[in-house]
């Protein structure tokens, strides 16, 4: 029977976050300019940040007016929260792009 020494190599370090939590974090969502887009994005933001202030939403129409950019700023509390928020927004049928 052979006994092996423990490896002196440490496991790969988890990438450190560049974000300090909690912090105000802007998310830009783009979709077709249709009724309900802003309300939908706002409701999703509020699911992940109950203190979300809808009065801080920034809107930017595309040059041709077909698309609308909606920027929401939420209080980010963890990487997991942000990942799930991006996933929820990205999979919504009204949303084309999340940045």
C-alpha atoms as a PDB file:
ATOM      1  CA  UNK A   1       0.000   0.000   0.000  1.00  0.00           C
ATOM      2  CA  UNK A   2       1.357   3.390  -0.992  1.00  0.00           C
ATOM      3  CA  UNK A   3       0.581   6.574   0.872  1.00  0.00           C
ATOM      4  CA  UNK A   4       0.734   9.734  -1.178  1.00  0.00           C
ATOM      5  CA  UNK A   5       1.623  13.110   0.151  1.00  0.00           C
ATOM      6  CA  UNK A   6      -1.021  15.829  -0.083  1.00  0.00           C
ATOM      7  CA  UNK A   7      -0.580  17.973  -3.132  1.00  0.00           C
ATOM      8  CA  UNK A   8       1.242  21.223  -2.537  1.00  0.00           C
ATOM      9  CA  UNK A   9      -0.746  22.831  -5.337  1.00  0.00           C
ATOM     10  CA  UNK A  10      -3.724  24.755  -4.123  1.00  0.00           C
ATOM     11  CA  UNK A  11      -7.038  24.488  -5.965  1.00  0.00           C
ATOM     12  CA  UNK A  12      -7.711  27.171  -8.554  1.00  0.00           C
ATOM     13  CA  UNK A  13      -8.793  30.333  -6.816  1.00  0.00           C
ATOM     14  CA  UNK A  14     -12.288  31.540  -7.508  1.00  0.00           C
ATOM     15  CA  UNK A  15     -12.155  34.743  -9.525  1.00  0.00           C
ATOM     16  CA  UNK A  16     -12.474  37.698  -7.233  1.00  0.00           C
ATOM     17  CA  UNK A  17     -15.361  40.024  -7.959  1.00  0.00           C
ATOM     18  CA  UNK A  18     -14.530  43.522  -9.122  1.00  0.00           C
ATOM     19  CA  UNK A  19     -17.795  44.718  -7.613  1.00  0.00           C
ATOM     20  CA  UNK A  20     -18.089  45.617  -3.962  1.00  0.00           C
ATOM     21  CA  UNK A  21     -21.452  44.598  -2.546  1.00  0.00           C
ATOM     22  CA  UNK A  22     -23.831  46.211  -1.951  1.00  0.00           C
ATOM     23  CA  UNK A  23     -23.523  48.742  -4.758  1.00  0.00           C
ATOM     24  CA  UNK A  24     -25.701  50.557  -7.255  1.00  0.00           C
ATOM     25  CA  UNK A  25     -25.449  48.620 -10.520  1.00  0.00           C
ATOM     26  CA  UNK A  26     -26.840  49.818 -13.878  1.00  0.00           C
ATOM     27  CA  UNK A  27     -28.299  47.291 -16.320  1.00  0.00           C
ATOM     28  CA  UNK A  28     -29.268  48.212 -19.870  1.00  0.00           C
ATOM     29  CA  UNK A  29     -32.117  46.259 -21.415  1.00  0.00           C
ATOM     30  CA  UNK A  30     -33.079  46.590 -25.067  1.00  0.00           C
ATOM     31  CA  UNK A  31     -36.290  45.466 -26.704  1.00  0.00           C
ATOM     32  CA  UNK A  32     -38.840  46.441 -29.306  1.00  0.00           C
ATOM     33  CA  UNK A  33     -40.522  49.721 -28.432  1.00  0.00           C
ATOM     34  CA  UNK A  34     -43.869  48.273 -27.365  1.00  0.00           C
ATOM     35  CA  UNK A  35     -46.380  49.022 -24.640  1.00  0.00           C
ATOM     36  CA  UNK A  36     -45.421  47.294 -21.426  1.00  0.00           C
ATOM     37  CA  UNK A  37     -41.661  46.978 -21.966  1.00  0.00           C
ATOM     38  CA  UNK A  38     -40.725  49.580 -19.355  1.00  0.00           C
ATOM     39  CA  UNK A  39     -43.262  48.227 -16.864  1.00  0.00           C
ATOM     40  CA  UNK A  40     -42.020  44.652 -17.371  1.00  0.00           C
ATOM     41  CA  UNK A  41     -38.348  45.579 -16.918  1.00  0.00           C
ATOM     42  CA  UNK A  42     -39.232  47.634 -13.856  1.00  0.00           C
ATOM     43  CA  UNK A  43     -41.239  44.771 -12.313  1.00  0.00           C
ATOM     44  CA  UNK A  44     -38.362  42.329 -12.854  1.00  0.00           C
ATOM     45  CA  UNK A  45     -35.888  44.801 -11.335  1.00  0.00           C
ATOM     46  CA  UNK A  46     -38.154  45.157  -8.292  1.00  0.00           C
ATOM     47  CA  UNK A  47     -38.238  41.338  -7.867  1.00  0.00           C
ATOM     48  CA  UNK A  48     -34.471  41.391  -7.346  1.00  0.00           C
ATOM     49  CA  UNK A  49     -34.282  44.723  -5.513  1.00  0.00           C
ATOM     50  CA  UNK A  50     -37.424  45.506  -3.499  1.00  0.00           C
ATOM     51  CA  UNK A  51     -36.128  49.060  -2.939  1.00  0.00           C
ATOM     52  CA  UNK A  52     -35.774  49.666  -6.711  1.00  0.00           C
ATOM     53  CA  UNK A  53     -36.776  53.241  -7.578  1.00  0.00           C
ATOM     54  CA  UNK A  54     -38.562  53.342 -10.943  1.00  0.00           C
ATOM     55  CA  UNK A  55     -38.070  57.119 -11.122  1.00  0.00           C
ATOM     56  CA  UNK A  56     -34.378  56.466 -11.889  1.00  0.00           C
ATOM     57  CA  UNK A  57     -35.120  54.579 -15.135  1.00  0.00           C
ATOM     58  CA  UNK A  58     -33.392  56.011 -18.185  1.00  0.00           C
ATOM     59  CA  UNK A  59     -34.896  55.538 -21.640  1.00  0.00           C
ATOM     60  CA  UNK A  60     -33.196  55.829 -25.009  1.00  0.00           C
ATOM     61  CA  UNK A  61     -34.944  55.242 -28.304  1.00  0.00           C
ATOM     62  CA  UNK A  62     -33.075  53.765 -31.257  1.00  0.00           C
ATOM     63  CA  UNK A  63     -32.346  56.015 -34.219  1.00  0.00           C
ATOM     64  CA  UNK A  64     -35.206  54.511 -36.221  1.00  0.00           C
ATOM     65  CA  UNK A  65     -37.560  54.425 -33.236  1.00  0.00           C
ATOM     66  CA  UNK A  66     -38.132  50.658 -33.447  1.00  0.00           C
ATOM     67  CA  UNK A  67     -36.195  49.744 -30.289  1.00  0.00           C
ATOM     68  CA  UNK A  68     -36.035  51.141 -26.785  1.00  0.00           C
ATOM     69  CA  UNK A  69     -33.114  50.996 -24.368  1.00  0.00           C
ATOM     70  CA  UNK A  70     -34.181  50.859 -20.726  1.00  0.00           C
ATOM     71  CA  UNK A  71     -31.488  51.392 -18.101  1.00  0.00           C
ATOM     72  CA  UNK A  72     -32.350  50.358 -14.567  1.00  0.00           C
ATOM     73  CA  UNK A  73     -30.049  50.754 -11.587  1.00  0.00           C
ATOM     74  CA  UNK A  74     -30.492  48.192  -8.840  1.00  0.00           C
ATOM     75  CA  UNK A  75     -28.740  47.669  -5.545  1.00  0.00           C
ATOM     76  CA  UNK A  76     -26.570  44.623  -6.231  1.00  0.00           C
ATOM     77  CA  UNK A  77     -26.042  42.470  -3.166  1.00  0.00           C
ATOM     78  CA  UNK A  78     -24.268  39.436  -4.675  1.00  0.00           C
ATOM     79  CA  UNK A  79     -22.932  37.886  -7.856  1.00  0.00           C
ATOM     80  CA  UNK A  80     -25.704  35.289  -7.663  1.00  0.00           C
ATOM     81  CA  UNK A  81     -28.366  38.015  -7.566  1.00  0.00           C
ATOM     82  CA  UNK A  82     -26.909  39.692 -10.661  1.00  0.00           C
ATOM     83  CA  UNK A  83     -26.565  36.398 -12.532  1.00  0.00           C
ATOM     84  CA  UNK A  84     -30.180  35.487 -11.847  1.00  0.00           C
ATOM     85  CA  UNK A  85     -31.396  38.972 -12.784  1.00  0.00           C
ATOM     86  CA  UNK A  86     -29.528  38.812 -16.109  1.00  0.00           C
ATOM     87  CA  UNK A  87     -30.922  35.312 -16.723  1.00  0.00           C
ATOM     88  CA  UNK A  88     -34.492  36.418 -15.959  1.00  0.00           C
ATOM     89  CA  UNK A  89     -34.274  39.499 -18.169  1.00  0.00           C
ATOM     90  CA  UNK A  90     -32.514  37.676 -21.024  1.00  0.00           C
ATOM     91  CA  UNK A  91     -35.164  34.975 -21.233  1.00  0.00           C
ATOM     92  CA  UNK A  92     -38.148  37.340 -21.214  1.00  0.00           C
ATOM     93  CA  UNK A  93     -39.858  37.403 -24.630  1.00  0.00           C
ATOM     94  CA  UNK A  94     -40.005  41.239 -24.747  1.00  0.00           C
ATOM     95  CA  UNK A  95     -36.246  41.561 -24.219  1.00  0.00           C
ATOM     96  CA  UNK A  96     -33.740  41.359 -27.091  1.00  0.00           C
ATOM     97  CA  UNK A  97     -30.450  42.234 -25.331  1.00  0.00           C
ATOM     98  CA  UNK A  98     -29.229  42.736 -21.745  1.00  0.00           C
ATOM     99  CA  UNK A  99     -25.958  44.580 -21.117  1.00  0.00           C
END
